[in-house]
């Protein structure tokens, strides 16, 4: 079972349908107790960092998610969901995140048009190790983006994919069983479904903790 967290910030139905399409058994839930019993969690999201954290706090998800690193069950953050994995975000002032990925979420420089929207390439950084999340994904594949902020990890080793838009930003991050993608896999056709299928497989065969 994969729990898609309902915190009133995301495209829940399209993410859930895509997960089901690639073999996932999915429940959309606003209840942290239900999410805590799942084999994996997906944290989608569209909107502002501060509001996202407030909504998670109101529904009592912060204790569960902040401690998710102590489990070996996969977690996937998508777009805003990826941002919330970071230590803090600058959108609307400085706000504390889940601190599962050390680093800060920043706005794109004024030299580029925001939001960054449309198809763009992801340059993979496997570091010589085959990553089960990237199975069947070729270097410089295109995915669909829609965002004005990007995450900058403190540790470059957690970056497994980068994209260029004014800056070279982290478009895929991974620390053990915790993964974040800046793009929308549910809107990225065949390759997006491949990534979601890889995540479903991770929930059935969890990786070792980092």
C-alpha atoms as a PDB file:
ATOM      1  CA  UNK A   1       0.000   0.000   0.000  1.00  0.00           C
ATOM      2  CA  UNK A   2       1.223   3.497  -0.939  1.00  0.00           C
ATOM      3  CA  UNK A   3      -0.235   6.464   0.947  1.00  0.00           C
ATOM      4  CA  UNK A   4      -0.650   9.696  -1.031  1.00  0.00           C
ATOM      5  CA  UNK A   5      -0.850  12.434   1.579  1.00  0.00           C
ATOM      6  CA  UNK A   6      -3.834  14.760   1.345  1.00  0.00           C
ATOM      7  CA  UNK A   7      -2.868  18.096   2.865  1.00  0.00           C
ATOM      8  CA  UNK A   8      -4.911  20.259   0.474  1.00  0.00           C
ATOM      9  CA  UNK A   9      -1.881  21.242  -1.610  1.00  0.00           C
ATOM     10  CA  UNK A  10      -1.659  18.897  -4.533  1.00  0.00           C
ATOM     11  CA  UNK A  11      -2.797  17.142  -7.649  1.00  0.00           C
ATOM     12  CA  UNK A  12      -3.738  14.064  -5.651  1.00  0.00           C
ATOM     13  CA  UNK A  13      -5.938  12.330  -8.183  1.00  0.00           C
ATOM     14  CA  UNK A  14      -3.548  12.533 -11.142  1.00  0.00           C
ATOM     15  CA  UNK A  15      -0.620  11.278  -9.024  1.00  0.00           C
ATOM     16  CA  UNK A  16      -2.729   8.459  -7.591  1.00  0.00           C
ATOM     17  CA  UNK A  17      -4.042   7.385 -10.989  1.00  0.00           C
ATOM     18  CA  UNK A  18      -0.507   7.283 -12.372  1.00  0.00           C
ATOM     19  CA  UNK A  19       0.678   5.132  -9.435  1.00  0.00           C
ATOM     20  CA  UNK A  20      -2.218   2.720  -9.925  1.00  0.00           C
ATOM     21  CA  UNK A  21      -1.451   2.553 -13.642  1.00  0.00           C
ATOM     22  CA  UNK A  22       2.069   1.265 -12.883  1.00  0.00           C
ATOM     23  CA  UNK A  23       0.916  -1.345 -10.382  1.00  0.00           C
ATOM     24  CA  UNK A  24       0.619   0.523  -7.104  1.00  0.00           C
ATOM     25  CA  UNK A  25      -2.100  -0.044  -4.536  1.00  0.00           C
ATOM     26  CA  UNK A  26      -2.932   3.488  -3.423  1.00  0.00           C
ATOM     27  CA  UNK A  27      -4.870   5.245  -0.683  1.00  0.00           C
ATOM     28  CA  UNK A  28      -5.309   9.031  -0.562  1.00  0.00           C
ATOM     29  CA  UNK A  29      -5.361   9.983   3.099  1.00  0.00           C
ATOM     30  CA  UNK A  30      -5.426  13.053   5.382  1.00  0.00           C
ATOM     31  CA  UNK A  31      -4.698  10.760   8.359  1.00  0.00           C
ATOM     32  CA  UNK A  32      -1.076  10.313   9.533  1.00  0.00           C
ATOM     33  CA  UNK A  33      -2.005   7.038  11.237  1.00  0.00           C
ATOM     34  CA  UNK A  34      -3.048   5.541   7.895  1.00  0.00           C
ATOM     35  CA  UNK A  35       0.069   6.921   6.183  1.00  0.00           C
ATOM     36  CA  UNK A  36       2.291   5.501   8.897  1.00  0.00           C
ATOM     37  CA  UNK A  37       1.012   1.971   8.206  1.00  0.00           C
ATOM     38  CA  UNK A  38       1.705   2.190   4.460  1.00  0.00           C
ATOM     39  CA  UNK A  39       4.691   0.606   2.701  1.00  0.00           C
ATOM     40  CA  UNK A  40       5.585   3.958   1.182  1.00  0.00           C
ATOM     41  CA  UNK A  41       4.463   7.584   1.107  1.00  0.00           C
ATOM     42  CA  UNK A  42       4.051  10.061  -1.740  1.00  0.00           C
ATOM     43  CA  UNK A  43       3.989  13.748  -0.826  1.00  0.00           C
ATOM     44  CA  UNK A  44       2.743  15.664  -3.883  1.00  0.00           C
ATOM     45  CA  UNK A  45       2.156  19.375  -3.905  1.00  0.00           C
ATOM     46  CA  UNK A  46       1.416  22.562  -5.794  1.00  0.00           C
ATOM     47  CA  UNK A  47       1.668  25.925  -4.055  1.00  0.00           C
ATOM     48  CA  UNK A  48       3.726  27.795  -1.478  1.00  0.00           C
ATOM     49  CA  UNK A  49       6.264  26.311   0.948  1.00  0.00           C
ATOM     50  CA  UNK A  50       4.923  28.061   4.062  1.00  0.00           C
ATOM     51  CA  UNK A  51       1.324  27.043   3.406  1.00  0.00           C
ATOM     52  CA  UNK A  52       2.402  23.471   2.733  1.00  0.00           C
ATOM     53  CA  UNK A  53       4.164  23.176   6.098  1.00  0.00           C
ATOM     54  CA  UNK A  54       1.217  24.815   7.886  1.00  0.00           C
ATOM     55  CA  UNK A  55      -1.200  22.349   6.313  1.00  0.00           C
ATOM     56  CA  UNK A  56       0.971  19.377   7.257  1.00  0.00           C
ATOM     57  CA  UNK A  57       1.168  20.709  10.800  1.00  0.00           C
ATOM     58  CA  UNK A  58      -2.618  21.208  11.043  1.00  0.00           C
ATOM     59  CA  UNK A  59      -3.172  17.576  10.037  1.00  0.00           C
ATOM     60  CA  UNK A  60      -0.473  16.380  12.447  1.00  0.00           C
ATOM     61  CA  UNK A  61       1.819  14.988   9.731  1.00  0.00           C
ATOM     62  CA  UNK A  62       5.007  16.690  10.940  1.00  0.00           C
ATOM     63  CA  UNK A  63       6.002  14.089  13.576  1.00  0.00           C
ATOM     64  CA  UNK A  64       5.476  11.201  11.158  1.00  0.00           C
ATOM     65  CA  UNK A  65       7.294  12.775   8.216  1.00  0.00           C
ATOM     66  CA  UNK A  66      10.132  14.375  10.186  1.00  0.00           C
ATOM     67  CA  UNK A  67      10.970  10.949  11.618  1.00  0.00           C
ATOM     68  CA  UNK A  68      10.567   9.063   8.343  1.00  0.00           C
ATOM     69  CA  UNK A  69      14.335   8.813   8.003  1.00  0.00           C
ATOM     70  CA  UNK A  70      14.289   6.360  10.908  1.00  0.00           C
ATOM     71  CA  UNK A  71      12.270   3.886   8.851  1.00  0.00           C
ATOM     72  CA  UNK A  72      13.361   1.968   5.759  1.00  0.00           C
ATOM     73  CA  UNK A  73      10.138   2.700   3.877  1.00  0.00           C
ATOM     74  CA  UNK A  74      10.373   4.866   0.732  1.00  0.00           C
ATOM     75  CA  UNK A  75       9.074   8.419   0.553  1.00  0.00           C
ATOM     76  CA  UNK A  76       8.690  10.376  -2.700  1.00  0.00           C
ATOM     77  CA  UNK A  77       8.262  14.161  -2.711  1.00  0.00           C
ATOM     78  CA  UNK A  78       6.973  15.716  -5.934  1.00  0.00           C
ATOM     79  CA  UNK A  79       7.456  19.429  -6.788  1.00  0.00           C
ATOM     80  CA  UNK A  80       6.338  21.282  -3.614  1.00  0.00           C
ATOM     81  CA  UNK A  81       6.512  17.901  -1.886  1.00  0.00           C
ATOM     82  CA  UNK A  82      10.213  17.780  -2.753  1.00  0.00           C
ATOM     83  CA  UNK A  83      10.727  21.317  -1.419  1.00  0.00           C
ATOM     84  CA  UNK A  84       9.184  20.398   1.908  1.00  0.00           C
ATOM     85  CA  UNK A  85      11.790  17.660   2.372  1.00  0.00           C
ATOM     86  CA  UNK A  86      14.457  20.368   2.782  1.00  0.00           C
ATOM     87  CA  UNK A  87      15.600  22.039   5.989  1.00  0.00           C
ATOM     88  CA  UNK A  88      14.100  25.416   5.111  1.00  0.00           C
ATOM     89  CA  UNK A  89      12.542  27.438   2.331  1.00  0.00           C
ATOM     90  CA  UNK A  90      12.758  31.132   1.414  1.00  0.00           C
ATOM     91  CA  UNK A  91       9.319  31.515  -0.180  1.00  0.00           C
ATOM     92  CA  UNK A  92       7.315  34.155   1.693  1.00  0.00           C
ATOM     93  CA  UNK A  93      10.069  34.538   4.298  1.00  0.00           C
ATOM     94  CA  UNK A  94      12.269  31.866   5.825  1.00  0.00           C
ATOM     95  CA  UNK A  95      10.294  28.802   6.969  1.00  0.00           C
ATOM     96  CA  UNK A  96      11.355  25.517   8.501  1.00  0.00           C
ATOM     97  CA  UNK A  97      10.842  22.344   6.435  1.00  0.00           C
ATOM     98  CA  UNK A  98      10.959  18.643   7.293  1.00  0.00           C
ATOM     99  CA  UNK A  99      14.791  18.600   7.370  1.00  0.00           C
ATOM    100  CA  UNK A 100      14.987  15.187   5.670  1.00  0.00           C
ATOM    101  CA  UNK A 101      17.319  16.709   3.050  1.00  0.00           C
ATOM    102  CA  UNK A 102      19.755  19.257   4.485  1.00  0.00           C
ATOM    103  CA  UNK A 103      19.600  22.460   2.450  1.00  0.00           C
ATOM    104  CA  UNK A 104      17.470  25.419   1.437  1.00  0.00           C
ATOM    105  CA  UNK A 105      14.778  26.088  -1.177  1.00  0.00           C
ATOM    106  CA  UNK A 106      15.554  29.246  -3.184  1.00  0.00           C
ATOM    107  CA  UNK A 107      13.894  31.339  -5.870  1.00  0.00           C
ATOM    108  CA  UNK A 108      15.266  31.403  -9.403  1.00  0.00           C
ATOM    109  CA  UNK A 109      17.367  34.487 -10.215  1.00  0.00           C
ATOM    110  CA  UNK A 110      15.751  37.495 -11.863  1.00  0.00           C
ATOM    111  CA  UNK A 111      17.677  36.737 -15.055  1.00  0.00           C
ATOM    112  CA  UNK A 112      15.169  34.020 -16.027  1.00  0.00           C
ATOM    113  CA  UNK A 113      11.429  33.999 -16.487  1.00  0.00           C
ATOM    114  CA  UNK A 114       9.472  32.366 -13.683  1.00  0.00           C
ATOM    115  CA  UNK A 115       7.811  30.034 -13.335  1.00  0.00           C
ATOM    116  CA  UNK A 116      10.075  27.569 -15.115  1.00  0.00           C
ATOM    117  CA  UNK A 117       7.392  25.737 -17.017  1.00  0.00           C
ATOM    118  CA  UNK A 118       7.529  23.033 -19.671  1.00  0.00           C
ATOM    119  CA  UNK A 119       9.792  20.207 -20.750  1.00  0.00           C
ATOM    120  CA  UNK A 120      13.456  20.195 -19.780  1.00  0.00           C
ATOM    121  CA  UNK A 121      16.320  17.739 -19.547  1.00  0.00           C
ATOM    122  CA  UNK A 122      17.567  15.939 -16.449  1.00  0.00           C
ATOM    123  CA  UNK A 123      21.311  15.239 -16.356  1.00  0.00           C
ATOM    124  CA  UNK A 124      21.831  12.157 -14.236  1.00  0.00           C
ATOM    125  CA  UNK A 125      24.563  11.739 -11.633  1.00  0.00           C
ATOM    126  CA  UNK A 126      24.669   8.080 -10.754  1.00  0.00           C
ATOM    127  CA  UNK A 127      28.191   8.151  -9.349  1.00  0.00           C
ATOM    128  CA  UNK A 128      28.903   4.742 -10.839  1.00  0.00           C
ATOM    129  CA  UNK A 129      26.156   3.059  -8.785  1.00  0.00           C
ATOM    130  CA  UNK A 130      22.993   1.753 -10.416  1.00  0.00           C
ATOM    131  CA  UNK A 131      20.043   3.485  -8.758  1.00  0.00           C
ATOM    132  CA  UNK A 132      16.796   1.456  -8.675  1.00  0.00           C
ATOM    133  CA  UNK A 133      14.783   4.698  -8.803  1.00  0.00           C
ATOM    134  CA  UNK A 134      16.422   5.549 -12.156  1.00  0.00           C
ATOM    135  CA  UNK A 135      15.982   2.139 -13.738  1.00  0.00           C
ATOM    136  CA  UNK A 136      15.392   2.459 -17.521  1.00  0.00           C
ATOM    137  CA  UNK A 137      15.836   6.263 -17.401  1.00  0.00           C
ATOM    138  CA  UNK A 138      18.422   7.547 -19.870  1.00  0.00           C
ATOM    139  CA  UNK A 139      20.681  10.517 -19.190  1.00  0.00           C
ATOM    140  CA  UNK A 140      19.270  13.839 -20.471  1.00  0.00           C
ATOM    141  CA  UNK A 141      15.700  12.553 -20.596  1.00  0.00           C
ATOM    142  CA  UNK A 142      12.956  15.182 -20.689  1.00  0.00           C
ATOM    143  CA  UNK A 143      10.416  15.718 -17.905  1.00  0.00           C
ATOM    144  CA  UNK A 144       7.694  18.302 -17.291  1.00  0.00           C
ATOM    145  CA  UNK A 145       8.448  21.169 -14.872  1.00  0.00           C
ATOM    146  CA  UNK A 146       6.312  23.922 -13.304  1.00  0.00           C
ATOM    147  CA  UNK A 147       8.021  25.844 -10.466  1.00  0.00           C
ATOM    148  CA  UNK A 148       9.544  29.147  -9.369  1.00  0.00           C
ATOM    149  CA  UNK A 149      11.776  27.782  -6.580  1.00  0.00           C
ATOM    150  CA  UNK A 150      14.372  25.033  -6.438  1.00  0.00           C
ATOM    151  CA  UNK A 151      16.099  23.060  -3.705  1.00  0.00           C
ATOM    152  CA  UNK A 152      19.828  23.438  -3.054  1.00  0.00           C
ATOM    153  CA  UNK A 153      21.180  20.571  -0.909  1.00  0.00           C
ATOM    154  CA  UNK A 154      24.132  21.116   1.411  1.00  0.00           C
ATOM    155  CA  UNK A 155      25.581  17.753   0.397  1.00  0.00           C
ATOM    156  CA  UNK A 156      26.064  17.407  -3.388  1.00  0.00           C
ATOM    157  CA  UNK A 157      26.104  13.618  -3.004  1.00  0.00           C
ATOM    158  CA  UNK A 158      22.317  13.556  -2.556  1.00  0.00           C
ATOM    159  CA  UNK A 159      21.849  15.077  -6.040  1.00  0.00           C
ATOM    160  CA  UNK A 160      21.200  12.341  -8.600  1.00  0.00           C
ATOM    161  CA  UNK A 161      19.796  14.604 -11.308  1.00  0.00           C
ATOM    162  CA  UNK A 162      20.360  18.228 -12.331  1.00  0.00           C
ATOM    163  CA  UNK A 163      18.598  20.547 -14.762  1.00  0.00           C
ATOM    164  CA  UNK A 164      19.687  23.864 -16.255  1.00  0.00           C
ATOM    165  CA  UNK A 165      17.439  26.919 -16.134  1.00  0.00           C
ATOM    166  CA  UNK A 166      19.474  30.024 -15.378  1.00  0.00           C
ATOM    167  CA  UNK A 167      21.280  27.888 -12.797  1.00  0.00           C
ATOM    168  CA  UNK A 168      22.082  24.190 -12.602  1.00  0.00           C
ATOM    169  CA  UNK A 169      19.577  23.079  -9.974  1.00  0.00           C
ATOM    170  CA  UNK A 170      18.851  19.740  -8.317  1.00  0.00           C
ATOM    171  CA  UNK A 171      15.915  18.137 -10.120  1.00  0.00           C
ATOM    172  CA  UNK A 172      16.234  14.712  -8.433  1.00  0.00           C
ATOM    173  CA  UNK A 173      17.539  14.242  -4.901  1.00  0.00           C
ATOM    174  CA  UNK A 174      17.884  11.033  -2.969  1.00  0.00           C
ATOM    175  CA  UNK A 175      19.074  10.157   0.524  1.00  0.00           C
ATOM    176  CA  UNK A 176      18.637   6.433   0.964  1.00  0.00           C
ATOM    177  CA  UNK A 177      14.924   5.666   0.782  1.00  0.00           C
ATOM    178  CA  UNK A 178      13.904   9.357   0.626  1.00  0.00           C
ATOM    179  CA  UNK A 179      13.553  10.736  -2.914  1.00  0.00           C
ATOM    180  CA  UNK A 180      12.458  14.088  -4.290  1.00  0.00           C
ATOM    181  CA  UNK A 181      11.736  15.134  -7.877  1.00  0.00           C
ATOM    182  CA  UNK A 182      11.279  18.741  -8.946  1.00  0.00           C
ATOM    183  CA  UNK A 183       9.305  17.858 -12.070  1.00  0.00           C
ATOM    184  CA  UNK A 184       5.888  16.220 -12.320  1.00  0.00           C
ATOM    185  CA  UNK A 185       6.296  12.533 -13.251  1.00  0.00           C
ATOM    186  CA  UNK A 186       2.511  12.157 -13.555  1.00  0.00           C
ATOM    187  CA  UNK A 187       2.640  14.738 -16.388  1.00  0.00           C
ATOM    188  CA  UNK A 188       5.809  13.388 -18.017  1.00  0.00           C
ATOM    189  CA  UNK A 189       4.378  10.638 -20.217  1.00  0.00           C
ATOM    190  CA  UNK A 190       6.179   7.290 -20.488  1.00  0.00           C
ATOM    191  CA  UNK A 191       9.342   8.226 -18.605  1.00  0.00           C
ATOM    192  CA  UNK A 192       7.397   9.742 -15.749  1.00  0.00           C
ATOM    193  CA  UNK A 193       5.401   6.539 -15.427  1.00  0.00           C
ATOM    194  CA  UNK A 194       8.661   4.562 -15.485  1.00  0.00           C
ATOM    195  CA  UNK A 195       9.940   6.543 -12.502  1.00  0.00           C
ATOM    196  CA  UNK A 196       6.704   6.011 -10.600  1.00  0.00           C
ATOM    197  CA  UNK A 197       6.884   2.314 -11.428  1.00  0.00           C
ATOM    198  CA  UNK A 198      10.400   2.241 -10.007  1.00  0.00           C
ATOM    199  CA  UNK A 199       9.116   3.854  -6.815  1.00  0.00           C
ATOM    200  CA  UNK A 200       6.349   1.252  -6.549  1.00  0.00           C
ATOM    201  CA  UNK A 201       9.003  -1.460  -6.797  1.00  0.00           C
ATOM    202  CA  UNK A 202      11.016   0.264  -4.062  1.00  0.00           C
ATOM    203  CA  UNK A 203       8.022  -0.004  -1.714  1.00  0.00           C
ATOM    204  CA  UNK A 204       7.977  -3.758  -2.283  1.00  0.00           C
ATOM    205  CA  UNK A 205      11.752  -4.123  -1.828  1.00  0.00           C
ATOM    206  CA  UNK A 206      12.885  -1.219   0.374  1.00  0.00           C
ATOM    207  CA  UNK A 207      16.516  -0.070   0.066  1.00  0.00           C
ATOM    208  CA  UNK A 208      18.888  -0.038   3.010  1.00  0.00           C
ATOM    209  CA  UNK A 209      18.817   3.089   5.127  1.00  0.00           C
ATOM    210  CA  UNK A 210      21.494   5.699   4.382  1.00  0.00           C
END
